[in-house]
Amino acid sequence: MTSKEHTEKRVEEVLGSLDNVLKAETKAHFYTRLRSRMGNDEGVWTNLAAYISRPTVALTFIVLLLAINLFILFSNKDTPPEDSVDNMTALAQEYHFERNSMIDQNTILP
């Protein structure tokens, strides 16, 4: 038997096996119930978004956010600003920075 005849015979066997297959059936009104469930998507995030989008909740959140910002803004006003010159002087003294002129740096010693 050649490969072409073998292939044709195999195709006929496969197609013949589908002769006795029955069509799958569903219960009555299955698609109507399925579409109803798909359209009625009430999840956790949908409920949360609906709750947050209420005007009273949104307004309360905005007022609370502004109050926190004002509290932080006015509570930091009492601290004195740091003196950056003193910090730089302390850093220079700690690491022994010295001002050298360009002439001192390029001096060639014999």
PDB file of N, CA and C in Angstrom:
ATOM      1  N   MET A   1       0.843  -1.159   0.000  1.00  0.00           N
ATOM      2  CA  MET A   1       0.000   0.000   0.000  1.00  0.00           C
ATOM      3  C   MET A   1       0.902   1.240   0.000  1.00  0.00           C
ATOM      4  N   THR A   2       0.594   2.145  -0.873  1.00  0.00           N
ATOM      5  CA  THR A   2       1.420   3.351  -0.949  1.00  0.00           C
ATOM      6  C   THR A   2       0.962   4.362   0.092  1.00  0.00           C
ATOM      7  N   SER A   3       1.752   5.353   0.284  1.00  0.00           N
ATOM      8  CA  SER A   3       1.434   6.350   1.325  1.00  0.00           C
ATOM      9  C   SER A   3       0.192   7.149   0.947  1.00  0.00           C
ATOM     10  N   LYS A   4      -0.022   7.367  -0.378  1.00  0.00           N
ATOM     11  CA  LYS A   4      -1.200   8.119  -0.796  1.00  0.00           C
ATOM     12  C   LYS A   4      -2.471   7.317  -0.509  1.00  0.00           C
ATOM     13  N   GLU A   5      -2.442   6.021  -0.798  1.00  0.00           N
ATOM     14  CA  GLU A   5      -3.604   5.175  -0.534  1.00  0.00           C
ATOM     15  C   GLU A   5      -3.843   5.056   0.981  1.00  0.00           C
ATOM     16  N   HIS A   6      -2.753   4.955   1.727  1.00  0.00           N
ATOM     17  CA  HIS A   6      -2.854   4.863   3.184  1.00  0.00           C
ATOM     18  C   HIS A   6      -3.484   6.140   3.762  1.00  0.00           C
ATOM     19  N   THR A   7      -3.081   7.285   3.248  1.00  0.00           N
ATOM     20  CA  THR A   7      -3.611   8.563   3.717  1.00  0.00           C
ATOM     21  C   THR A   7      -5.096   8.672   3.394  1.00  0.00           C
ATOM     22  N   GLU A   8      -5.476   8.284   2.185  1.00  0.00           N
ATOM     23  CA  GLU A   8      -6.888   8.355   1.800  1.00  0.00           C
ATOM     24  C   GLU A   8      -7.735   7.416   2.662  1.00  0.00           C
ATOM     25  N   LYS A   9      -7.206   6.223   2.938  1.00  0.00           N
ATOM     26  CA  LYS A   9      -7.932   5.281   3.773  1.00  0.00           C
ATOM     27  C   LYS A   9      -8.102   5.837   5.191  1.00  0.00           C
ATOM     28  N   ARG A  10      -7.079   6.463   5.702  1.00  0.00           N
ATOM     29  CA  ARG A  10      -7.130   7.039   7.053  1.00  0.00           C
ATOM     30  C   ARG A  10      -8.152   8.180   7.105  1.00  0.00           C
ATOM     31  N   VAL A  11      -8.208   9.011   6.057  1.00  0.00           N
ATOM     32  CA  VAL A  11      -9.167  10.111   5.986  1.00  0.00           C
ATOM     33  C   VAL A  11     -10.585   9.562   5.969  1.00  0.00           C
ATOM     34  N   GLU A  12     -10.824   8.502   5.220  1.00  0.00           N
ATOM     35  CA  GLU A  12     -12.150   7.897   5.152  1.00  0.00           C
ATOM     36  C   GLU A  12     -12.561   7.320   6.518  1.00  0.00           C
ATOM     37  N   GLU A  13     -11.605   6.742   7.244  1.00  0.00           N
ATOM     38  CA  GLU A  13     -11.906   6.213   8.582  1.00  0.00           C
ATOM     39  C   GLU A  13     -12.308   7.329   9.535  1.00  0.00           C
ATOM     40  N   VAL A  14     -11.583   8.422   9.464  1.00  0.00           N
ATOM     41  CA  VAL A  14     -11.873   9.551  10.355  1.00  0.00           C
ATOM     42  C   VAL A  14     -13.234  10.142  10.022  1.00  0.00           C
ATOM     43  N   LEU A  15     -13.525  10.343   8.751  1.00  0.00           N
ATOM     44  CA  LEU A  15     -14.818  10.893   8.355  1.00  0.00           C
ATOM     45  C   LEU A  15     -15.951   9.928   8.675  1.00  0.00           C
ATOM     46  N   GLY A  16     -15.705   8.634   8.565  1.00  0.00           N
ATOM     47  CA  GLY A  16     -16.719   7.642   8.894  1.00  0.00           C
ATOM     48  C   GLY A  16     -17.025   7.598  10.376  1.00  0.00           C
ATOM     49  N   SER A  17     -16.070   7.941  11.208  1.00  0.00           N
ATOM     50  CA  SER A  17     -16.307   7.923  12.651  1.00  0.00           C
ATOM     51  C   SER A  17     -17.254   9.043  13.092  1.00  0.00           C
ATOM     52  N   LEU A  18     -17.424  10.054  12.264  1.00  0.00           N
ATOM     53  CA  LEU A  18     -18.306  11.159  12.596  1.00  0.00           C
ATOM     54  C   LEU A  18     -19.752  10.913  12.172  1.00  0.00           C
ATOM     55  N   ASP A  19     -20.040   9.792  11.531  1.00  0.00           N
ATOM     56  CA  ASP A  19     -21.394   9.526  11.041  1.00  0.00           C
ATOM     57  C   ASP A  19     -22.401   9.348  12.173  1.00  0.00           C
ATOM     58  N   ASN A  20     -22.032   8.747  13.266  1.00  0.00           N
ATOM     59  CA  ASN A  20     -22.977   8.443  14.347  1.00  0.00           C
ATOM     60  C   ASN A  20     -22.970   9.482  15.471  1.00  0.00           C
ATOM     61  N   VAL A  21     -22.331  10.612  15.263  1.00  0.00           N
ATOM     62  CA  VAL A  21     -22.253  11.646  16.293  1.00  0.00           C
ATOM     63  C   VAL A  21     -23.567  12.417  16.324  1.00  0.00           C
ATOM     64  N   LEU A  22     -24.102  12.635  17.521  1.00  0.00           N
ATOM     65  CA  LEU A  22     -25.338  13.377  17.688  1.00  0.00           C
ATOM     66  C   LEU A  22     -25.035  14.831  18.013  1.00  0.00           C
ATOM     67  N   LYS A  23     -25.952  15.711  17.648  1.00  0.00           N
ATOM     68  CA  LYS A  23     -25.804  17.133  17.921  1.00  0.00           C
ATOM     69  C   LYS A  23     -26.028  17.381  19.416  1.00  0.00           C
ATOM     70  N   ALA A  24     -25.181  18.198  20.013  1.00  0.00           N
ATOM     71  CA  ALA A  24     -25.319  18.526  21.432  1.00  0.00           C
ATOM     72  C   ALA A  24     -26.519  19.441  21.617  1.00  0.00           C
ATOM     73  N   GLU A  25     -27.301  19.159  22.634  1.00  0.00           N
ATOM     74  CA  GLU A  25     -28.491  19.955  22.898  1.00  0.00           C
ATOM     75  C   GLU A  25     -28.395  20.552  24.303  1.00  0.00           C
ATOM     76  N   THR A  26     -28.996  21.732  24.451  1.00  0.00           N
ATOM     77  CA  THR A  26     -29.005  22.402  25.750  1.00  0.00           C
ATOM     78  C   THR A  26     -30.427  22.423  26.293  1.00  0.00           C
ATOM     79  N   LYS A  27     -30.539  22.824  27.531  1.00  0.00           N
ATOM     80  CA  LYS A  27     -31.864  22.956  28.134  1.00  0.00           C
ATOM     81  C   LYS A  27     -32.593  24.133  27.489  1.00  0.00           C
ATOM     82  N   ALA A  28     -33.866  24.169  27.700  1.00  0.00           N
ATOM     83  CA  ALA A  28     -34.685  25.239  27.120  1.00  0.00           C
ATOM     84  C   ALA A  28     -34.246  26.598  27.667  1.00  0.00           C
ATOM     85  N   HIS A  29     -34.204  27.588  26.828  1.00  0.00           N
ATOM     86  CA  HIS A  29     -33.881  28.982  27.162  1.00  0.00           C
ATOM     87  C   HIS A  29     -32.477  29.137  27.749  1.00  0.00           C
ATOM     88  N   PHE A  30     -31.550  28.277  27.343  1.00  0.00           N
ATOM     89  CA  PHE A  30     -30.176  28.370  27.851  1.00  0.00           C
ATOM     90  C   PHE A  30     -29.517  29.677  27.412  1.00  0.00           C
ATOM     91  N   TYR A  31     -29.632  30.015  26.138  1.00  0.00           N
ATOM     92  CA  TYR A  31     -28.970  31.211  25.621  1.00  0.00           C
ATOM     93  C   TYR A  31     -29.577  32.487  26.204  1.00  0.00           C
ATOM     94  N   THR A  32     -30.859  32.471  26.488  1.00  0.00           N
ATOM     95  CA  THR A  32     -31.488  33.638  27.104  1.00  0.00           C
ATOM     96  C   THR A  32     -30.930  33.865  28.505  1.00  0.00           C
ATOM     97  N   ARG A  33     -30.798  32.803  29.271  1.00  0.00           N
ATOM     98  CA  ARG A  33     -30.229  32.932  30.624  1.00  0.00           C
ATOM     99  C   ARG A  33     -28.764  33.326  30.578  1.00  0.00           C
ATOM    100  N   LEU A  34     -28.033  32.792  29.594  1.00  0.00           N
ATOM    101  CA  LEU A  34     -26.610  33.123  29.461  1.00  0.00           C
ATOM    102  C   LEU A  34     -26.423  34.604  29.153  1.00  0.00           C
ATOM    103  N   ARG A  35     -27.195  35.106  28.222  1.00  0.00           N
ATOM    104  CA  ARG A  35     -27.086  36.537  27.874  1.00  0.00           C
ATOM    105  C   ARG A  35     -27.500  37.421  29.055  1.00  0.00           C
ATOM    106  N   SER A  36     -28.468  36.976  29.811  1.00  0.00           N
ATOM    107  CA  SER A  36     -28.897  37.737  30.981  1.00  0.00           C
ATOM    108  C   SER A  36     -27.778  37.825  32.012  1.00  0.00           C
ATOM    109  N   ARG A  37     -27.080  36.726  32.241  1.00  0.00           N
ATOM    110  CA  ARG A  37     -25.972  36.742  33.208  1.00  0.00           C
ATOM    111  C   ARG A  37     -24.803  37.571  32.710  1.00  0.00           C
ATOM    112  N   MET A  38     -24.525  37.503  31.428  1.00  0.00           N
ATOM    113  CA  MET A  38     -23.402  38.277  30.872  1.00  0.00           C
ATOM    114  C   MET A  38     -23.695  39.772  30.926  1.00  0.00           C
ATOM    115  N   GLY A  39     -24.930  40.163  30.731  1.00  0.00           N
ATOM    116  CA  GLY A  39     -25.297  41.576  30.767  1.00  0.00           C
ATOM    117  C   GLY A  39     -25.382  42.124  32.170  1.00  0.00           C
ATOM    118  N   ASN A  40     -25.633  41.274  33.145  1.00  0.00           N
ATOM    119  CA  ASN A  40     -25.781  41.693  34.529  1.00  0.00           C
ATOM    120  C   ASN A  40     -24.468  41.465  35.268  1.00  0.00           C
ATOM    121  N   ASP A  41     -23.458  42.271  34.948  1.00  0.00           N
ATOM    122  CA  ASP A  41     -22.124  42.103  35.526  1.00  0.00           C
ATOM    123  C   ASP A  41     -21.980  43.015  36.737  1.00  0.00           C
ATOM    124  N   GLU A  42     -22.448  42.575  37.870  1.00  0.00           N
ATOM    125  CA  GLU A  42     -22.355  43.330  39.111  1.00  0.00           C
ATOM    126  C   GLU A  42     -21.220  42.756  39.946  1.00  0.00           C
ATOM    127  N   GLY A  43     -20.004  43.205  39.701  1.00  0.00           N
ATOM    128  CA  GLY A  43     -18.853  42.721  40.442  1.00  0.00           C
ATOM    129  C   GLY A  43     -18.506  43.656  41.589  1.00  0.00           C
ATOM    130  N   VAL A  44     -17.446  43.313  42.289  1.00  0.00           N
ATOM    131  CA  VAL A  44     -16.992  44.113  43.425  1.00  0.00           C
ATOM    132  C   VAL A  44     -16.536  45.488  42.960  1.00  0.00           C
ATOM    133  N   TRP A  45     -15.771  45.523  41.861  1.00  0.00           N
ATOM    134  CA  TRP A  45     -15.235  46.792  41.376  1.00  0.00           C
ATOM    135  C   TRP A  45     -16.350  47.701  40.858  1.00  0.00           C
ATOM    136  N   THR A  46     -17.368  47.123  40.260  1.00  0.00           N
ATOM    137  CA  THR A  46     -18.496  47.921  39.786  1.00  0.00           C
ATOM    138  C   THR A  46     -19.222  48.561  40.961  1.00  0.00           C
ATOM    139  N   ASN A  47     -19.432  47.790  42.016  1.00  0.00           N
ATOM    140  CA  ASN A  47     -20.097  48.328  43.202  1.00  0.00           C
ATOM    141  C   ASN A  47     -19.242  49.393  43.884  1.00  0.00           C
ATOM    142  N   LEU A  48     -17.932  49.181  43.944  1.00  0.00           N
ATOM    143  CA  LEU A  48     -17.030  50.154  44.566  1.00  0.00           C
ATOM    144  C   LEU A  48     -17.008  51.454  43.774  1.00  0.00           C
ATOM    145  N   ALA A  49     -16.950  51.359  42.463  1.00  0.00           N
ATOM    146  CA  ALA A  49     -16.948  52.561  41.619  1.00  0.00           C
ATOM    147  C   ALA A  49     -18.264  53.318  41.753  1.00  0.00           C
ATOM    148  N   ALA A  50     -19.362  52.594  41.845  1.00  0.00           N
ATOM    149  CA  ALA A  50     -20.657  53.253  42.017  1.00  0.00           C
ATOM    150  C   ALA A  50     -20.723  53.971  43.361  1.00  0.00           C
ATOM    151  N   TYR A  51     -20.140  53.390  44.402  1.00  0.00           N
ATOM    152  CA  TYR A  51     -20.156  54.010  45.724  1.00  0.00           C
ATOM    153  C   TYR A  51     -19.266  55.259  45.759  1.00  0.00           C
ATOM    154  N   ILE A  52     -18.071  55.161  45.168  1.00  0.00           N
ATOM    155  CA  ILE A  52     -17.136  56.293  45.185  1.00  0.00           C
ATOM    156  C   ILE A  52     -17.659  57.450  44.343  1.00  0.00           C
ATOM    157  N   SER A  53     -18.391  57.153  43.279  1.00  0.00           N
ATOM    158  CA  SER A  53     -18.858  58.217  42.397  1.00  0.00           C
ATOM    159  C   SER A  53     -20.066  58.968  42.936  1.00  0.00           C
ATOM    160  N   ARG A  54     -20.568  58.586  44.089  1.00  0.00           N
ATOM    161  CA  ARG A  54     -21.651  59.357  44.712  1.00  0.00           C
ATOM    162  C   ARG A  54     -21.125  60.733  45.093  1.00  0.00           C
ATOM    163  N   PRO A  55     -21.916  61.776  44.884  1.00  0.00           N
ATOM    164  CA  PRO A  55     -21.425  63.140  45.155  1.00  0.00           C
ATOM    165  C   PRO A  55     -20.992  63.357  46.601  1.00  0.00           C
ATOM    166  N   THR A  56     -21.703  62.804  47.559  1.00  0.00           N
ATOM    167  CA  THR A  56     -21.331  63.043  48.959  1.00  0.00           C
ATOM    168  C   THR A  56     -20.005  62.379  49.299  1.00  0.00           C
ATOM    169  N   VAL A  57     -19.784  61.189  48.794  1.00  0.00           N
ATOM    170  CA  VAL A  57     -18.528  60.487  49.076  1.00  0.00           C
ATOM    171  C   VAL A  57     -17.367  61.199  48.390  1.00  0.00           C
ATOM    172  N   ALA A  58     -17.560  61.597  47.136  1.00  0.00           N
ATOM    173  CA  ALA A  58     -16.494  62.282  46.402  1.00  0.00           C
ATOM    174  C   ALA A  58     -16.155  63.614  47.056  1.00  0.00           C
ATOM    175  N   LEU A  59     -17.162  64.370  47.462  1.00  0.00           N
ATOM    176  CA  LEU A  59     -16.923  65.659  48.107  1.00  0.00           C
ATOM    177  C   LEU A  59     -16.219  65.483  49.451  1.00  0.00           C
ATOM    178  N   THR A  60     -16.622  64.491  50.209  1.00  0.00           N
ATOM    179  CA  THR A  60     -15.976  64.218  51.497  1.00  0.00           C
ATOM    180  C   THR A  60     -14.508  63.855  51.297  1.00  0.00           C
ATOM    181  N   PHE A  61     -14.226  63.043  50.290  1.00  0.00           N
ATOM    182  CA  PHE A  61     -12.844  62.664  50.002  1.00  0.00           C
ATOM    183  C   PHE A  61     -12.000  63.876  49.611  1.00  0.00           C
ATOM    184  N   ILE A  62     -12.543  64.778  48.802  1.00  0.00           N
ATOM    185  CA  ILE A  62     -11.801  65.964  48.380  1.00  0.00           C
ATOM    186  C   ILE A  62     -11.532  66.883  49.570  1.00  0.00           C
ATOM    187  N   VAL A  63     -12.524  67.091  50.427  1.00  0.00           N
ATOM    188  CA  VAL A  63     -12.337  67.945  51.607  1.00  0.00           C
ATOM    189  C   VAL A  63     -11.301  67.336  52.552  1.00  0.00           C
ATOM    190  N   LEU A  64     -11.352  66.032  52.729  1.00  0.00           N
ATOM    191  CA  LEU A  64     -10.374  65.363  53.586  1.00  0.00           C
ATOM    192  C   LEU A  64      -8.963  65.502  53.015  1.00  0.00           C
ATOM    193  N   LEU A  65      -8.824  65.357  51.730  1.00  0.00           N
ATOM    194  CA  LEU A  65      -7.515  65.496  51.082  1.00  0.00           C
ATOM    195  C   LEU A  65      -6.980  66.910  51.228  1.00  0.00           C
ATOM    196  N   LEU A  66      -7.826  67.908  51.045  1.00  0.00           N
ATOM    197  CA  LEU A  66      -7.398  69.296  51.234  1.00  0.00           C
ATOM    198  C   LEU A  66      -7.009  69.581  52.687  1.00  0.00           C
ATOM    199  N   ALA A  67      -7.753  69.030  53.634  1.00  0.00           N
ATOM    200  CA  ALA A  67      -7.430  69.239  55.051  1.00  0.00           C
ATOM    201  C   ALA A  67      -6.072  68.631  55.392  1.00  0.00           C
ATOM    202  N   ILE A  68      -5.792  67.452  54.880  1.00  0.00           N
ATOM    203  CA  ILE A  68      -4.488  66.825  55.132  1.00  0.00           C
ATOM    204  C   ILE A  68      -3.368  67.656  54.521  1.00  0.00           C
ATOM    205  N   ASN A  69      -3.566  68.150  53.306  1.00  0.00           N
ATOM    206  CA  ASN A  69      -2.546  68.979  52.659  1.00  0.00           C
ATOM    207  C   ASN A  69      -2.301  70.271  53.434  1.00  0.00           C
ATOM    208  N   LEU A  70      -3.360  70.921  53.887  1.00  0.00           N
ATOM    209  CA  LEU A  70      -3.186  72.151  54.657  1.00  0.00           C
ATOM    210  C   LEU A  70      -2.495  71.883  55.992  1.00  0.00           C
ATOM    211  N   PHE A  71      -2.824  70.791  56.636  1.00  0.00           N
ATOM    212  CA  PHE A  71      -2.173  70.438  57.899  1.00  0.00           C
ATOM    213  C   PHE A  71      -0.668  70.240  57.696  1.00  0.00           C
ATOM    214  N   ILE A  72      -0.297  69.526  56.657  1.00  0.00           N
ATOM    215  CA  ILE A  72       1.125  69.287  56.383  1.00  0.00           C
ATOM    216  C   ILE A  72       1.830  70.593  56.019  1.00  0.00           C
ATOM    217  N   LEU A  73       1.160  71.422  55.236  1.00  0.00           N
ATOM    218  CA  LEU A  73       1.761  72.695  54.822  1.00  0.00           C
ATOM    219  C   LEU A  73       2.031  73.604  56.012  1.00  0.00           C
ATOM    220  N   PHE A  74       1.070  73.736  56.923  1.00  0.00           N
ATOM    221  CA  PHE A  74       1.247  74.640  58.050  1.00  0.00           C
ATOM    222  C   PHE A  74       2.056  74.025  59.189  1.00  0.00           C
ATOM    223  N   SER A  75       2.148  72.715  59.282  1.00  0.00           N
ATOM    224  CA  SER A  75       2.941  72.117  60.350  1.00  0.00           C
ATOM    225  C   SER A  75       4.430  72.194  60.050  1.00  0.00           C
ATOM    226  N   ASN A  76       4.834  72.270  58.812  1.00  0.00           N
ATOM    227  CA  ASN A  76       6.252  72.369  58.459  1.00  0.00           C
ATOM    228  C   ASN A  76       6.748  73.810  58.482  1.00  0.00           C
ATOM    229  N   LYS A  77       5.890  74.770  58.647  1.00  0.00           N
ATOM    230  CA  LYS A  77       6.288  76.174  58.635  1.00  0.00           C
ATOM    231  C   LYS A  77       7.014  76.567  59.924  1.00  0.00           C
ATOM    232  N   ASP A  78       6.792  75.863  61.013  1.00  0.00           N
ATOM    233  CA  ASP A  78       7.377  76.213  62.302  1.00  0.00           C
ATOM    234  C   ASP A  78       8.857  75.841  62.407  1.00  0.00           C
ATOM    235  N   THR A  79       9.327  74.915  61.640  1.00  0.00           N
ATOM    236  CA  THR A  79      10.732  74.495  61.740  1.00  0.00           C
ATOM    237  C   THR A  79      11.615  75.501  61.034  1.00  0.00           C
ATOM    238  N   PRO A  80      12.734  75.891  61.656  1.00  0.00           N
ATOM    239  CA  PRO A  80      13.626  76.870  61.021  1.00  0.00           C
ATOM    240  C   PRO A  80      14.383  76.213  59.857  1.00  0.00           C
ATOM    241  N   PRO A  81      14.690  76.998  58.836  1.00  0.00           N
ATOM    242  CA  PRO A  81      15.438  76.438  57.707  1.00  0.00           C
ATOM    243  C   PRO A  81      16.876  76.137  58.121  1.00  0.00           C
ATOM    244  N   GLU A  82      17.414  75.114  57.549  1.00  0.00           N
ATOM    245  CA  GLU A  82      18.793  74.746  57.875  1.00  0.00           C
ATOM    246  C   GLU A  82      19.759  75.678  57.155  1.00  0.00           C
ATOM    247  N   ASP A  83      20.858  75.938  57.801  1.00  0.00           N
ATOM    248  CA  ASP A  83      21.863  76.810  57.212  1.00  0.00           C
ATOM    249  C   ASP A  83      22.786  75.958  56.348  1.00  0.00           C
ATOM    250  N   SER A  84      22.669  76.119  55.054  1.00  0.00           N
ATOM    251  CA  SER A  84      23.456  75.288  54.145  1.00  0.00           C
ATOM    252  C   SER A  84      24.938  75.648  54.175  1.00  0.00           C
ATOM    253  N   VAL A  85      25.267  76.885  54.531  1.00  0.00           N
ATOM    254  CA  VAL A  85      26.669  77.296  54.609  1.00  0.00           C
ATOM    255  C   VAL A  85      27.360  76.542  55.740  1.00  0.00           C
ATOM    256  N   ASP A  86      26.697  76.399  56.872  1.00  0.00           N
ATOM    257  CA  ASP A  86      27.282  75.667  57.992  1.00  0.00           C
ATOM    258  C   ASP A  86      27.497  74.199  57.635  1.00  0.00           C
ATOM    259  N   ASN A  87      26.564  73.625  56.905  1.00  0.00           N
ATOM    260  CA  ASN A  87      26.726  72.232  56.486  1.00  0.00           C
ATOM    261  C   ASN A  87      27.920  72.066  55.557  1.00  0.00           C
ATOM    262  N   MET A  88      28.079  72.998  54.635  1.00  0.00           N
ATOM    263  CA  MET A  88      29.210  72.920  53.705  1.00  0.00           C
ATOM    264  C   MET A  88      30.537  73.130  54.438  1.00  0.00           C
ATOM    265  N   THR A  89      30.565  74.027  55.415  1.00  0.00           N
ATOM    266  CA  THR A  89      31.788  74.259  56.191  1.00  0.00           C
ATOM    267  C   THR A  89      32.147  73.015  56.996  1.00  0.00           C
ATOM    268  N   ALA A  90      31.159  72.396  57.611  1.00  0.00           N
ATOM    269  CA  ALA A  90      31.421  71.179  58.378  1.00  0.00           C
ATOM    270  C   ALA A  90      31.910  70.064  57.468  1.00  0.00           C
ATOM    271  N   LEU A  91      31.359  69.962  56.281  1.00  0.00           N
ATOM    272  CA  LEU A  91      31.795  68.944  55.325  1.00  0.00           C
ATOM    273  C   LEU A  91      33.229  69.212  54.871  1.00  0.00           C
ATOM    274  N   ALA A  92      33.543  70.458  54.602  1.00  0.00           N
ATOM    275  CA  ALA A  92      34.900  70.808  54.166  1.00  0.00           C
ATOM    276  C   ALA A  92      35.915  70.527  55.269  1.00  0.00           C
ATOM    277  N   GLN A  93      35.560  70.800  56.501  1.00  0.00           N
ATOM    278  CA  GLN A  93      36.475  70.540  57.613  1.00  0.00           C
ATOM    279  C   GLN A  93      36.636  69.037  57.840  1.00  0.00           C
ATOM    280  N   GLU A  94      35.568  68.286  57.653  1.00  0.00           N
ATOM    281  CA  GLU A  94      35.648  66.844  57.887  1.00  0.00           C
ATOM    282  C   GLU A  94      36.522  66.144  56.842  1.00  0.00           C
ATOM    283  N   TYR A  95      36.423  66.567  55.616  1.00  0.00           N
ATOM    284  CA  TYR A  95      37.193  65.914  54.550  1.00  0.00           C
ATOM    285  C   TYR A  95      38.437  66.690  54.147  1.00  0.00           C
ATOM    286  N   HIS A  96      38.763  67.728  54.861  1.00  0.00           N
ATOM    287  CA  HIS A  96      39.978  68.520  54.672  1.00  0.00           C
ATOM    288  C   HIS A  96      40.075  69.071  53.253  1.00  0.00           C
ATOM    289  N   PHE A  97      38.992  69.687  52.809  1.00  0.00           N
ATOM    290  CA  PHE A  97      39.037  70.352  51.506  1.00  0.00           C
ATOM    291  C   PHE A  97      39.805  71.649  51.670  1.00  0.00           C
ATOM    292  N   GLU A  98      40.689  71.893  50.732  1.00  0.00           N
ATOM    293  CA  GLU A  98      41.453  73.134  50.764  1.00  0.00           C
ATOM    294  C   GLU A  98      41.355  73.782  49.399  1.00  0.00           C
ATOM    295  N   ARG A  99      41.370  75.086  49.419  1.00  0.00           N
ATOM    296  CA  ARG A  99      41.333  75.799  48.143  1.00  0.00           C
ATOM    297  C   ARG A  99      42.760  75.918  47.629  1.00  0.00           C
ATOM    298  N   ASN A 100      42.967  75.377  46.489  1.00  0.00           N
ATOM    299  CA  ASN A 100      44.275  75.481  45.843  1.00  0.00           C
ATOM    300  C   ASN A 100      44.094  76.252  44.554  1.00  0.00           C
ATOM    301  N   SER A 101      45.030  77.079  44.266  1.00  0.00           N
ATOM    302  CA  SER A 101      44.955  77.818  43.012  1.00  0.00           C
ATOM    303  C   SER A 101      45.465  76.926  41.885  1.00  0.00           C
ATOM    304  N   MET A 102      45.214  77.337  40.684  1.00  0.00           N
ATOM    305  CA  MET A 102      45.657  76.560  39.525  1.00  0.00           C
ATOM    306  C   MET A 102      47.188  76.512  39.456  1.00  0.00           C
ATOM    307  N   ILE A 103      47.821  77.553  39.919  1.00  0.00           N
ATOM    308  CA  ILE A 103      49.281  77.584  39.891  1.00  0.00           C
ATOM    309  C   ILE A 103      49.845  76.542  40.844  1.00  0.00           C
ATOM    310  N   ASP A 104      49.257  76.409  42.031  1.00  0.00           N
ATOM    311  CA  ASP A 104      49.727  75.433  43.000  1.00  0.00           C
ATOM    312  C   ASP A 104      49.528  74.002  42.497  1.00  0.00           C
ATOM    313  N   GLN A 105      48.480  73.768  41.768  1.00  0.00           N
ATOM    314  CA  GLN A 105      48.195  72.427  41.295  1.00  0.00           C
ATOM    315  C   GLN A 105      49.124  72.009  40.159  1.00  0.00           C
ATOM    316  N   ASN A 106      49.586  72.987  39.352  1.00  0.00           N
ATOM    317  CA  ASN A 106      50.393  72.652  38.183  1.00  0.00           C
ATOM    318  C   ASN A 106      51.884  72.929  38.387  1.00  0.00           C
ATOM    319  N   THR A 107      52.293  73.049  39.590  1.00  0.00           N
ATOM    320  CA  THR A 107      53.691  73.293  39.872  1.00  0.00           C
ATOM    321  C   THR A 107      54.497  72.027  39.655  1.00  0.00           C
ATOM    322  N   ILE A 108      55.555  72.143  38.873  1.00  0.00           N
ATOM    323  CA  ILE A 108      56.447  70.995  38.646  1.00  0.00           C
ATOM    324  C   ILE A 108      57.669  71.176  39.535  1.00  0.00           C
ATOM    325  N   LEU A 109      57.880  70.231  40.402  1.00  0.00           N
ATOM    326  CA  LEU A 109      59.016  70.305  41.314  1.00  0.00           C
ATOM    327  C   LEU A 109      60.173  69.537  40.706  1.00  0.00           C
ATOM    328  N   PRO A 110      61.402  70.067  40.899  1.00  0.00           N
ATOM    329  CA  PRO A 110      62.583  69.359  40.356  1.00  0.00           C
ATOM    330  C   PRO A 110      62.934  68.118  41.137  1.00  0.00           C
TER     331      PRO A 110
END
